[in-house]
Amino acid sequence: MIRVVAWGTGNVGRHAIAGIDARPDLELVGVWVSNPDKVGKDAGELARLGKDLGVPATGSVEDVLALAPDCVVNTAMADDRLFDALADLEKLLAAGINVVSSGPV
């Protein structure tokens, strides 16, 4: 079982969450969001799946690191927070977490 965090819940992120949920070899263990209004909401709600997945969203990189995921699927649009996004990725990679990304970072 590969432990995965979805990083972002926008147009691409919600499809990533659905794909992770559909795979029996992947376990969604966390969701990171940049919008404080989304913190605490369930991943299934944020991905518009019509069901809860039991995974609340966080806005904290430290919370994600504490989950010790195997991989982060980064789908967050970083256009308006490029340097913050790079710093986040640096923390994830320094912690030994694999990252796949749909964006420029």
PDB file of N, CA and C in Angstrom:
ATOM      1  N   MET A   1       0.843  -1.173   0.000  1.00  0.00           N
ATOM      2  CA  MET A   1       0.000   0.000   0.000  1.00  0.00           C
ATOM      3  C   MET A   1       0.890   1.239   0.000  1.00  0.00           C
ATOM      4  N   ILE A   2       0.630   2.137  -0.928  1.00  0.00           N
ATOM      5  CA  ILE A   2       1.380   3.395  -1.030  1.00  0.00           C
ATOM      6  C   ILE A   2       0.553   4.495  -0.387  1.00  0.00           C
ATOM      7  N   ARG A   3       1.152   5.152   0.597  1.00  0.00           N
ATOM      8  CA  ARG A   3       0.474   6.228   1.331  1.00  0.00           C
ATOM      9  C   ARG A   3       0.660   7.552   0.587  1.00  0.00           C
ATOM     10  N   VAL A   4      -0.464   8.192   0.213  1.00  0.00           N
ATOM     11  CA  VAL A   4      -0.422   9.353  -0.672  1.00  0.00           C
ATOM     12  C   VAL A   4      -1.127  10.549  -0.031  1.00  0.00           C
ATOM     13  N   VAL A   5      -0.547  11.733  -0.236  1.00  0.00           N
ATOM     14  CA  VAL A   5      -1.194  12.988   0.111  1.00  0.00           C
ATOM     15  C   VAL A   5      -1.517  13.721  -1.180  1.00  0.00           C
ATOM     16  N   ALA A   6      -2.737  14.210  -1.284  1.00  0.00           N
ATOM     17  CA  ALA A   6      -3.131  15.054  -2.412  1.00  0.00           C
ATOM     18  C   ALA A   6      -2.856  16.499  -2.013  1.00  0.00           C
ATOM     19  N   TRP A   7      -2.089  17.194  -2.822  1.00  0.00           N
ATOM     20  CA  TRP A   7      -1.682  18.579  -2.541  1.00  0.00           C
ATOM     21  C   TRP A   7      -2.437  19.490  -3.486  1.00  0.00           C
ATOM     22  N   GLY A   8      -3.594  19.966  -3.046  1.00  0.00           N
ATOM     23  CA  GLY A   8      -4.439  20.815  -3.880  1.00  0.00           C
ATOM     24  C   GLY A   8      -5.725  20.102  -4.239  1.00  0.00           C
ATOM     25  N   THR A   9      -6.809  20.871  -4.291  1.00  0.00           N
ATOM     26  CA  THR A   9      -8.133  20.282  -4.544  1.00  0.00           C
ATOM     27  C   THR A   9      -8.900  21.045  -5.620  1.00  0.00           C
ATOM     28  N   GLY A  10      -8.180  21.690  -6.509  1.00  0.00           N
ATOM     29  CA  GLY A  10      -8.821  22.453  -7.578  1.00  0.00           C
ATOM     30  C   GLY A  10      -9.205  21.573  -8.751  1.00  0.00           C
ATOM     31  N   ASN A  11      -9.174  22.141  -9.947  1.00  0.00           N
ATOM     32  CA  ASN A  11      -9.601  21.431 -11.150  1.00  0.00           C
ATOM     33  C   ASN A  11      -8.872  20.119 -11.375  1.00  0.00           C
ATOM     34  N   VAL A  12      -7.571  20.091 -11.147  1.00  0.00           N
ATOM     35  CA  VAL A  12      -6.790  18.864 -11.326  1.00  0.00           C
ATOM     36  C   VAL A  12      -6.808  18.037 -10.046  1.00  0.00           C
ATOM     37  N   GLY A  13      -6.694  18.693  -8.911  1.00  0.00           N
ATOM     38  CA  GLY A  13      -6.609  18.005  -7.631  1.00  0.00           C
ATOM     39  C   GLY A  13      -7.802  17.137  -7.315  1.00  0.00           C
ATOM     40  N   ARG A  14      -8.996  17.606  -7.632  1.00  0.00           N
ATOM     41  CA  ARG A  14     -10.167  16.784  -7.319  1.00  0.00           C
ATOM     42  C   ARG A  14     -10.184  15.498  -8.142  1.00  0.00           C
ATOM     43  N   HIS A  15      -9.658  15.541  -9.355  1.00  0.00           N
ATOM     44  CA  HIS A  15      -9.563  14.322 -10.166  1.00  0.00           C
ATOM     45  C   HIS A  15      -8.467  13.407  -9.629  1.00  0.00           C
ATOM     46  N   ALA A  16      -7.393  14.000  -9.125  1.00  0.00           N
ATOM     47  CA  ALA A  16      -6.319  13.201  -8.513  1.00  0.00           C
ATOM     48  C   ALA A  16      -6.861  12.461  -7.290  1.00  0.00           C
ATOM     49  N   ILE A  17      -7.644  13.142  -6.471  1.00  0.00           N
ATOM     50  CA  ILE A  17      -8.226  12.493  -5.290  1.00  0.00           C
ATOM     51  C   ILE A  17      -9.126  11.342  -5.708  1.00  0.00           C
ATOM     52  N   ALA A  18      -9.949  11.552  -6.716  1.00  0.00           N
ATOM     53  CA  ALA A  18     -10.827  10.479  -7.209  1.00  0.00           C
ATOM     54  C   ALA A  18      -9.998   9.299  -7.713  1.00  0.00           C
ATOM     55  N   GLY A  19      -8.914   9.588  -8.419  1.00  0.00           N
ATOM     56  CA  GLY A  19      -8.053   8.518  -8.927  1.00  0.00           C
ATOM     57  C   GLY A  19      -7.355   7.753  -7.819  1.00  0.00           C
ATOM     58  N   ILE A  20      -6.893   8.471  -6.812  1.00  0.00           N
ATOM     59  CA  ILE A  20      -6.252   7.812  -5.668  1.00  0.00           C
ATOM     60  C   ILE A  20      -7.259   6.924  -4.956  1.00  0.00           C
ATOM     61  N   ASP A  21      -8.465   7.448  -4.743  1.00  0.00           N
ATOM     62  CA  ASP A  21      -9.510   6.681  -4.062  1.00  0.00           C
ATOM     63  C   ASP A  21      -9.885   5.419  -4.836  1.00  0.00           C
ATOM     64  N   ALA A  22      -9.799   5.468  -6.150  1.00  0.00           N
ATOM     65  CA  ALA A  22     -10.204   4.330  -6.985  1.00  0.00           C
ATOM     66  C   ALA A  22      -9.165   3.216  -7.038  1.00  0.00           C
ATOM     67  N   ARG A  23      -7.959   3.505  -6.601  1.00  0.00           N
ATOM     68  CA  ARG A  23      -6.863   2.520  -6.696  1.00  0.00           C
ATOM     69  C   ARG A  23      -6.720   1.741  -5.398  1.00  0.00           C
ATOM     70  N   PRO A  24      -6.838   0.426  -5.448  1.00  0.00           N
ATOM     71  CA  PRO A  24      -6.716  -0.371  -4.218  1.00  0.00           C
ATOM     72  C   PRO A  24      -5.294  -0.401  -3.647  1.00  0.00           C
ATOM     73  N   ASP A  25      -4.314  -0.047  -4.446  1.00  0.00           N
ATOM     74  CA  ASP A  25      -2.922  -0.068  -3.976  1.00  0.00           C
ATOM     75  C   ASP A  25      -2.472   1.276  -3.422  1.00  0.00           C
ATOM     76  N   LEU A  26      -3.378   2.276  -3.426  1.00  0.00           N
ATOM     77  CA  LEU A  26      -3.063   3.600  -2.903  1.00  0.00           C
ATOM     78  C   LEU A  26      -3.977   3.907  -1.730  1.00  0.00           C
ATOM     79  N   GLU A  27      -3.409   4.555  -0.711  1.00  0.00           N
ATOM     80  CA  GLU A  27      -4.192   4.986   0.445  1.00  0.00           C
ATOM     81  C   GLU A  27      -4.056   6.496   0.581  1.00  0.00           C
ATOM     82  N   LEU A  28      -5.161   7.206   0.475  1.00  0.00           N
ATOM     83  CA  LEU A  28      -5.163   8.650   0.677  1.00  0.00           C
ATOM     84  C   LEU A  28      -5.078   8.906   2.174  1.00  0.00           C
ATOM     85  N   VAL A  29      -3.955   9.481   2.609  1.00  0.00           N
ATOM     86  CA  VAL A  29      -3.753   9.707   4.040  1.00  0.00           C
ATOM     87  C   VAL A  29      -3.837  11.179   4.419  1.00  0.00           C
ATOM     88  N   GLY A  30      -3.840  12.061   3.422  1.00  0.00           N
ATOM     89  CA  GLY A  30      -3.898  13.479   3.720  1.00  0.00           C
ATOM     90  C   GLY A  30      -4.222  14.308   2.504  1.00  0.00           C
ATOM     91  N   VAL A  31      -4.662  15.534   2.790  1.00  0.00           N
ATOM     92  CA  VAL A  31      -4.963  16.510   1.740  1.00  0.00           C
ATOM     93  C   VAL A  31      -4.466  17.862   2.230  1.00  0.00           C
ATOM     94  N   TRP A  32      -3.675  18.534   1.407  1.00  0.00           N
ATOM     95  CA  TRP A  32      -3.203  19.876   1.727  1.00  0.00           C
ATOM     96  C   TRP A  32      -3.953  20.872   0.861  1.00  0.00           C
ATOM     97  N   VAL A  33      -4.357  21.994   1.484  1.00  0.00           N
ATOM     98  CA  VAL A  33      -5.068  23.055   0.770  1.00  0.00           C
ATOM     99  C   VAL A  33      -4.447  24.398   1.120  1.00  0.00           C
ATOM    100  N   SER A  34      -4.488  25.322   0.181  1.00  0.00           N
ATOM    101  CA  SER A  34      -3.974  26.675   0.435  1.00  0.00           C
ATOM    102  C   SER A  34      -5.068  27.611   0.921  1.00  0.00           C
ATOM    103  N   ASN A  35      -6.309  27.265   0.685  1.00  0.00           N
ATOM    104  CA  ASN A  35      -7.449  28.098   1.057  1.00  0.00           C
ATOM    105  C   ASN A  35      -7.884  27.753   2.484  1.00  0.00           C
ATOM    106  N   PRO A  36      -7.782  28.703   3.409  1.00  0.00           N
ATOM    107  CA  PRO A  36      -8.168  28.415   4.797  1.00  0.00           C
ATOM    108  C   PRO A  36      -9.626  27.988   4.964  1.00  0.00           C
ATOM    109  N   ASP A  37     -10.483  28.369   4.030  1.00  0.00           N
ATOM    110  CA  ASP A  37     -11.888  27.962   4.099  1.00  0.00           C
ATOM    111  C   ASP A  37     -12.072  26.463   3.872  1.00  0.00           C
ATOM    112  N   LYS A  38     -11.079  25.801   3.277  1.00  0.00           N
ATOM    113  CA  LYS A  38     -11.165  24.368   3.001  1.00  0.00           C
ATOM    114  C   LYS A  38     -10.571  23.506   4.118  1.00  0.00           C
ATOM    115  N   VAL A  39      -9.802  24.113   5.016  1.00  0.00           N
ATOM    116  CA  VAL A  39      -9.166  23.357   6.103  1.00  0.00           C
ATOM    117  C   VAL A  39     -10.248  22.684   6.945  1.00  0.00           C
ATOM    118  N   GLY A  40     -10.048  21.396   7.208  1.00  0.00           N
ATOM    119  CA  GLY A  40     -10.992  20.617   8.003  1.00  0.00           C
ATOM    120  C   GLY A  40     -12.071  19.925   7.203  1.00  0.00           C
ATOM    121  N   LYS A  41     -12.266  20.322   5.960  1.00  0.00           N
ATOM    122  CA  LYS A  41     -13.276  19.677   5.122  1.00  0.00           C
ATOM    123  C   LYS A  41     -12.756  18.334   4.626  1.00  0.00           C
ATOM    124  N   ASP A  42     -13.675  17.407   4.412  1.00  0.00           N
ATOM    125  CA  ASP A  42     -13.311  16.068   3.984  1.00  0.00           C
ATOM    126  C   ASP A  42     -12.877  16.046   2.512  1.00  0.00           C
ATOM    127  N   ALA A  43     -11.896  15.204   2.224  1.00  0.00           N
ATOM    128  CA  ALA A  43     -11.371  15.074   0.859  1.00  0.00           C
ATOM    129  C   ALA A  43     -12.460  14.713  -0.138  1.00  0.00           C
ATOM    130  N   GLY A  44     -13.375  13.859   0.246  1.00  0.00           N
ATOM    131  CA  GLY A  44     -14.461  13.475  -0.652  1.00  0.00           C
ATOM    132  C   GLY A  44     -15.361  14.637  -1.002  1.00  0.00           C
ATOM    133  N   GLU A  45     -15.624  15.492  -0.025  1.00  0.00           N
ATOM    134  CA  GLU A  45     -16.420  16.693  -0.275  1.00  0.00           C
ATOM    135  C   GLU A  45     -15.674  17.642  -1.201  1.00  0.00           C
ATOM    136  N   LEU A  46     -14.387  17.875  -0.921  1.00  0.00           N
ATOM    137  CA  LEU A  46     -13.595  18.791  -1.739  1.00  0.00           C
ATOM    138  C   LEU A  46     -13.436  18.297  -3.175  1.00  0.00           C
ATOM    139  N   ALA A  47     -13.416  16.980  -3.342  1.00  0.00           N
ATOM    140  CA  ALA A  47     -13.282  16.400  -4.680  1.00  0.00           C
ATOM    141  C   ALA A  47     -14.638  16.175  -5.355  1.00  0.00           C
ATOM    142  N   ARG A  48     -15.698  16.538  -4.656  1.00  0.00           N
ATOM    143  CA  ARG A  48     -17.062  16.391  -5.183  1.00  0.00           C
ATOM    144  C   ARG A  48     -17.401  14.945  -5.538  1.00  0.00           C
ATOM    145  N   LEU A  49     -17.003  14.030  -4.650  1.00  0.00           N
ATOM    146  CA  LEU A  49     -17.224  12.607  -4.905  1.00  0.00           C
ATOM    147  C   LEU A  49     -18.590  12.124  -4.432  1.00  0.00           C
ATOM    148  N   GLY A  50     -19.306  12.939  -3.670  1.00  0.00           N
ATOM    149  CA  GLY A  50     -20.600  12.518  -3.160  1.00  0.00           C
ATOM    150  C   GLY A  50     -20.497  11.566  -1.987  1.00  0.00           C
ATOM    151  N   LYS A  51     -19.310  11.476  -1.394  1.00  0.00           N
ATOM    152  CA  LYS A  51     -19.101  10.632  -0.215  1.00  0.00           C
ATOM    153  C   LYS A  51     -17.900  11.179   0.548  1.00  0.00           C
ATOM    154  N   ASP A  52     -17.879  10.901   1.846  1.00  0.00           N
ATOM    155  CA  ASP A  52     -16.725  11.267   2.659  1.00  0.00           C
ATOM    156  C   ASP A  52     -15.668  10.185   2.556  1.00  0.00           C
ATOM    157  N   LEU A  53     -14.420  10.600   2.606  1.00  0.00           N
ATOM    158  CA  LEU A  53     -13.301   9.654   2.577  1.00  0.00           C
ATOM    159  C   LEU A  53     -12.628   9.534   3.942  1.00  0.00           C
ATOM    160  N   GLY A  54     -13.069  10.346   4.899  1.00  0.00           N
ATOM    161  CA  GLY A  54     -12.484  10.277   6.229  1.00  0.00           C
ATOM    162  C   GLY A  54     -11.110  10.909   6.322  1.00  0.00           C
ATOM    163  N   VAL A  55     -10.805  11.802   5.380  1.00  0.00           N
ATOM    164  CA  VAL A  55      -9.502  12.469   5.351  1.00  0.00           C
ATOM    165  C   VAL A  55      -9.738  13.968   5.346  1.00  0.00           C
ATOM    166  N   PRO A  56      -9.515  14.637   6.493  1.00  0.00           N
ATOM    167  CA  PRO A  56      -9.717  16.083   6.550  1.00  0.00           C
ATOM    168  C   PRO A  56      -8.548  16.840   5.935  1.00  0.00           C
ATOM    169  N   ALA A  57      -8.846  17.961   5.326  1.00  0.00           N
ATOM    170  CA  ALA A  57      -7.818  18.792   4.698  1.00  0.00           C
ATOM    171  C   ALA A  57      -7.075  19.613   5.746  1.00  0.00           C
ATOM    172  N   THR A  58      -5.807  19.875   5.467  1.00  0.00           N
ATOM    173  CA  THR A  58      -4.975  20.721   6.315  1.00  0.00           C
ATOM    174  C   THR A  58      -4.315  21.789   5.453  1.00  0.00           C
ATOM    175  N   GLY A  59      -3.945  22.864   6.074  1.00  0.00           N
ATOM    176  CA  GLY A  59      -3.183  23.909   5.394  1.00  0.00           C
ATOM    177  C   GLY A  59      -1.753  23.953   5.883  1.00  0.00           C
ATOM    178  N   SER A  60      -1.346  22.932   6.618  1.00  0.00           N
ATOM    179  CA  SER A  60      -0.035  22.900   7.265  1.00  0.00           C
ATOM    180  C   SER A  60       0.906  21.890   6.617  1.00  0.00           C
ATOM    181  N   VAL A  61       2.056  22.370   6.192  1.00  0.00           N
ATOM    182  CA  VAL A  61       3.084  21.465   5.662  1.00  0.00           C
ATOM    183  C   VAL A  61       3.541  20.512   6.759  1.00  0.00           C
ATOM    184  N   GLU A  62       3.643  21.010   7.982  1.00  0.00           N
ATOM    185  CA  GLU A  62       4.082  20.181   9.100  1.00  0.00           C
ATOM    186  C   GLU A  62       3.118  19.028   9.350  1.00  0.00           C
ATOM    187  N   ASP A  63       1.810  19.279   9.200  1.00  0.00           N
ATOM    188  CA  ASP A  63       0.824  18.202   9.336  1.00  0.00           C
ATOM    189  C   ASP A  63       1.058  17.127   8.284  1.00  0.00           C
ATOM    190  N   VAL A  64       1.361  17.537   7.071  1.00  0.00           N
ATOM    191  CA  VAL A  64       1.633  16.576   5.994  1.00  0.00           C
ATOM    192  C   VAL A  64       2.892  15.776   6.311  1.00  0.00           C
ATOM    193  N   LEU A  65       3.938  16.443   6.746  1.00  0.00           N
ATOM    194  CA  LEU A  65       5.177  15.746   7.093  1.00  0.00           C
ATOM    195  C   LEU A  65       4.937  14.726   8.196  1.00  0.00           C
ATOM    196  N   ALA A  66       4.105  15.070   9.166  1.00  0.00           N
ATOM    197  CA  ALA A  66       3.821  14.163  10.282  1.00  0.00           C
ATOM    198  C   ALA A  66       3.107  12.893   9.826  1.00  0.00           C
ATOM    199  N   LEU A  67       2.412  12.956   8.698  1.00  0.00           N
ATOM    200  CA  LEU A  67       1.732  11.774   8.157  1.00  0.00           C
ATOM    201  C   LEU A  67       2.715  10.758   7.575  1.00  0.00           C
ATOM    202  N   ALA A  68       3.925  11.202   7.286  1.00  0.00           N
ATOM    203  CA  ALA A  68       4.964  10.350   6.678  1.00  0.00           C
ATOM    204  C   ALA A  68       4.455   9.621   5.438  1.00  0.00           C
ATOM    205  N   PRO A  69       3.921  10.376   4.463  1.00  0.00           N
ATOM    206  CA  PRO A  69       3.432   9.714   3.249  1.00  0.00           C
ATOM    207  C   PRO A  69       4.604   9.223   2.393  1.00  0.00           C
ATOM    208  N   ASP A  70       4.301   8.267   1.535  1.00  0.00           N
ATOM    209  CA  ASP A  70       5.294   7.809   0.564  1.00  0.00           C
ATOM    210  C   ASP A  70       5.411   8.790  -0.588  1.00  0.00           C
ATOM    211  N   CYS A  71       4.292   9.451  -0.897  1.00  0.00           N
ATOM    212  CA  CYS A  71       4.250  10.311  -2.071  1.00  0.00           C
ATOM    213  C   CYS A  71       3.255  11.451  -1.872  1.00  0.00           C
ATOM    214  N   VAL A  72       3.570  12.597  -2.451  1.00  0.00           N
ATOM    215  CA  VAL A  72       2.644  13.719  -2.535  1.00  0.00           C
ATOM    216  C   VAL A  72       2.341  13.952  -4.008  1.00  0.00           C
ATOM    217  N   VAL A  73       1.063  14.007  -4.339  1.00  0.00           N
ATOM    218  CA  VAL A  73       0.620  14.357  -5.692  1.00  0.00           C
ATOM    219  C   VAL A  73       0.295  15.845  -5.664  1.00  0.00           C
ATOM    220  N   ASN A  74       1.192  16.644  -6.223  1.00  0.00           N
ATOM    221  CA  ASN A  74       1.085  18.096  -6.162  1.00  0.00           C
ATOM    222  C   ASN A  74       0.358  18.608  -7.401  1.00  0.00           C
ATOM    223  N   THR A  75      -0.871  19.077  -7.179  1.00  0.00           N
ATOM    224  CA  THR A  75      -1.662  19.632  -8.284  1.00  0.00           C
ATOM    225  C   THR A  75      -2.016  21.091  -8.036  1.00  0.00           C
ATOM    226  N   ALA A  76      -1.428  21.683  -7.003  1.00  0.00           N
ATOM    227  CA  ALA A  76      -1.743  23.070  -6.658  1.00  0.00           C
ATOM    228  C   ALA A  76      -1.188  24.024  -7.701  1.00  0.00           C
ATOM    229  N   MET A  77      -2.006  24.998  -8.086  1.00  0.00           N
ATOM    230  CA  MET A  77      -1.533  26.046  -8.980  1.00  0.00           C
ATOM    231  C   MET A  77      -0.662  26.990  -8.153  1.00  0.00           C
ATOM    232  N   ALA A  78       0.566  27.150  -8.531  1.00  0.00           N
ATOM    233  CA  ALA A  78       1.516  27.923  -7.739  1.00  0.00           C
ATOM    234  C   ALA A  78       1.803  29.294  -8.335  1.00  0.00           C
ATOM    235  N   ASP A  79       1.057  29.694  -9.340  1.00  0.00           N
ATOM    236  CA  ASP A  79       1.327  30.952 -10.032  1.00  0.00           C
ATOM    237  C   ASP A  79       1.385  32.150  -9.086  1.00  0.00           C
ATOM    238  N   ASP A  80       0.517  32.166  -8.084  1.00  0.00           N
ATOM    239  CA  ASP A  80       0.455  33.317  -7.188  1.00  0.00           C
ATOM    240  C   ASP A  80       1.246  33.111  -5.888  1.00  0.00           C
ATOM    241  N   ARG A  81       1.916  31.968  -5.757  1.00  0.00           N
ATOM    242  CA  ARG A  81       2.716  31.693  -4.568  1.00  0.00           C
ATOM    243  C   ARG A  81       3.937  30.843  -4.922  1.00  0.00           C
ATOM    244  N   LEU A  82       4.603  31.217  -5.996  1.00  0.00           N
ATOM    245  CA  LEU A  82       5.695  30.413  -6.533  1.00  0.00           C
ATOM    246  C   LEU A  82       6.783  30.120  -5.507  1.00  0.00           C
ATOM    247  N   PHE A  83       7.283  31.124  -4.810  1.00  0.00           N
ATOM    248  CA  PHE A  83       8.384  30.895  -3.877  1.00  0.00           C
ATOM    249  C   PHE A  83       7.929  30.095  -2.662  1.00  0.00           C
ATOM    250  N   ASP A  84       6.700  30.306  -2.209  1.00  0.00           N
ATOM    251  CA  ASP A  84       6.156  29.489  -1.121  1.00  0.00           C
ATOM    252  C   ASP A  84       6.021  28.037  -1.569  1.00  0.00           C
ATOM    253  N   ALA A  85       5.556  27.833  -2.794  1.00  0.00           N
ATOM    254  CA  ALA A  85       5.397  26.476  -3.320  1.00  0.00           C
ATOM    255  C   ALA A  85       6.743  25.770  -3.433  1.00  0.00           C
ATOM    256  N   LEU A  86       7.749  26.489  -3.883  1.00  0.00           N
ATOM    257  CA  LEU A  86       9.089  25.892  -3.962  1.00  0.00           C
ATOM    258  C   LEU A  86       9.612  25.522  -2.582  1.00  0.00           C
ATOM    259  N   ALA A  87       9.370  26.372  -1.597  1.00  0.00           N
ATOM    260  CA  ALA A  87       9.794  26.078  -0.224  1.00  0.00           C
ATOM    261  C   ALA A  87       9.062  24.848   0.314  1.00  0.00           C
ATOM    262  N   ASP A  88       7.767  24.724   0.003  1.00  0.00           N
ATOM    263  CA  ASP A  88       7.009  23.541   0.417  1.00  0.00           C
ATOM    264  C   ASP A  88       7.589  22.279  -0.198  1.00  0.00           C
ATOM    265  N   LEU A  89       7.859  22.324  -1.500  1.00  0.00           N
ATOM    266  CA  LEU A  89       8.434  21.160  -2.176  1.00  0.00           C
ATOM    267  C   LEU A  89       9.796  20.797  -1.598  1.00  0.00           C
ATOM    268  N   GLU A  90      10.579  21.801  -1.294  1.00  0.00           N
ATOM    269  CA  GLU A  90      11.896  21.549  -0.704  1.00  0.00           C
ATOM    270  C   GLU A  90      11.757  20.808   0.628  1.00  0.00           C
ATOM    271  N   LYS A  91      10.792  21.206   1.454  1.00  0.00           N
ATOM    272  CA  LYS A  91      10.559  20.527   2.735  1.00  0.00           C
ATOM    273  C   LYS A  91      10.132  19.079   2.522  1.00  0.00           C
ATOM    274  N   LEU A  92       9.238  18.859   1.567  1.00  0.00           N
ATOM    275  CA  LEU A  92       8.763  17.500   1.294  1.00  0.00           C
ATOM    276  C   LEU A  92       9.904  16.604   0.822  1.00  0.00           C
ATOM    277  N   LEU A  93      10.668  17.092  -0.132  1.00  0.00           N
ATOM    278  CA  LEU A  93      11.772  16.303  -0.671  1.00  0.00           C
ATOM    279  C   LEU A  93      12.852  16.064   0.368  1.00  0.00           C
ATOM    280  N   ALA A  94      13.142  17.070   1.195  1.00  0.00           N
ATOM    281  CA  ALA A  94      14.153  16.915   2.251  1.00  0.00           C
ATOM    282  C   ALA A  94      13.726  15.857   3.271  1.00  0.00           C
ATOM    283  N   ALA A  95      12.419  15.666   3.417  1.00  0.00           N
ATOM    284  CA  ALA A  95      11.895  14.662   4.332  1.00  0.00           C
ATOM    285  C   ALA A  95      11.875  13.270   3.702  1.00  0.00           C
ATOM    286  N   GLY A  96      12.328  13.155   2.448  1.00  0.00           N
ATOM    287  CA  GLY A  96      12.375  11.857   1.777  1.00  0.00           C
ATOM    288  C   GLY A  96      11.064  11.437   1.147  1.00  0.00           C
ATOM    289  N   ILE A  97      10.169  12.399   0.941  1.00  0.00           N
ATOM    290  CA  ILE A  97       8.865  12.112   0.342  1.00  0.00           C
ATOM    291  C   ILE A  97       8.957  12.298  -1.167  1.00  0.00           C
ATOM    292  N   ASN A  98       8.504  11.306  -1.915  1.00  0.00           N
ATOM    293  CA  ASN A  98       8.451  11.432  -3.361  1.00  0.00           C
ATOM    294  C   ASN A  98       7.352  12.423  -3.730  1.00  0.00           C
ATOM    295  N   VAL A  99       7.593  13.190  -4.802  1.00  0.00           N
ATOM    296  CA  VAL A  99       6.612  14.173  -5.259  1.00  0.00           C
ATOM    297  C   VAL A  99       6.406  14.009  -6.755  1.00  0.00           C
ATOM    298  N   VAL A 100       5.146  13.982  -7.155  1.00  0.00           N
ATOM    299  CA  VAL A 100       4.777  14.087  -8.568  1.00  0.00           C
ATOM    300  C   VAL A 100       3.955  15.354  -8.698  1.00  0.00           C
ATOM    301  N   SER A 101       4.124  16.066  -9.798  1.00  0.00           N
ATOM    302  CA  SER A 101       3.483  17.381  -9.905  1.00  0.00           C
ATOM    303  C   SER A 101       2.919  17.597 -11.300  1.00  0.00           C
ATOM    304  N   SER A 102       1.774  18.248 -11.327  1.00  0.00           N
ATOM    305  CA  SER A 102       1.171  18.615 -12.611  1.00  0.00           C
ATOM    306  C   SER A 102       1.522  20.042 -13.009  1.00  0.00           C
ATOM    307  N   GLY A 103       2.166  20.782 -12.119  1.00  0.00           N
ATOM    308  CA  GLY A 103       2.467  22.186 -12.358  1.00  0.00           C
ATOM    309  C   GLY A 103       3.930  22.441 -12.645  1.00  0.00           C
ATOM    310  N   PRO A 104       4.250  23.696 -12.803  1.00  0.00           N
ATOM    311  CA  PRO A 104       5.635  24.058 -13.128  1.00  0.00           C
ATOM    312  C   PRO A 104       6.608  23.796 -11.989  1.00  0.00           C
ATOM    313  N   VAL A 105       6.096  23.609 -10.778  1.00  0.00           N
ATOM    314  CA  VAL A 105       6.971  23.286  -9.649  1.00  0.00           C
ATOM    315  C   VAL A 105       6.695  21.882  -9.209  1.00  0.00           C
TER     316      VAL A 105
END
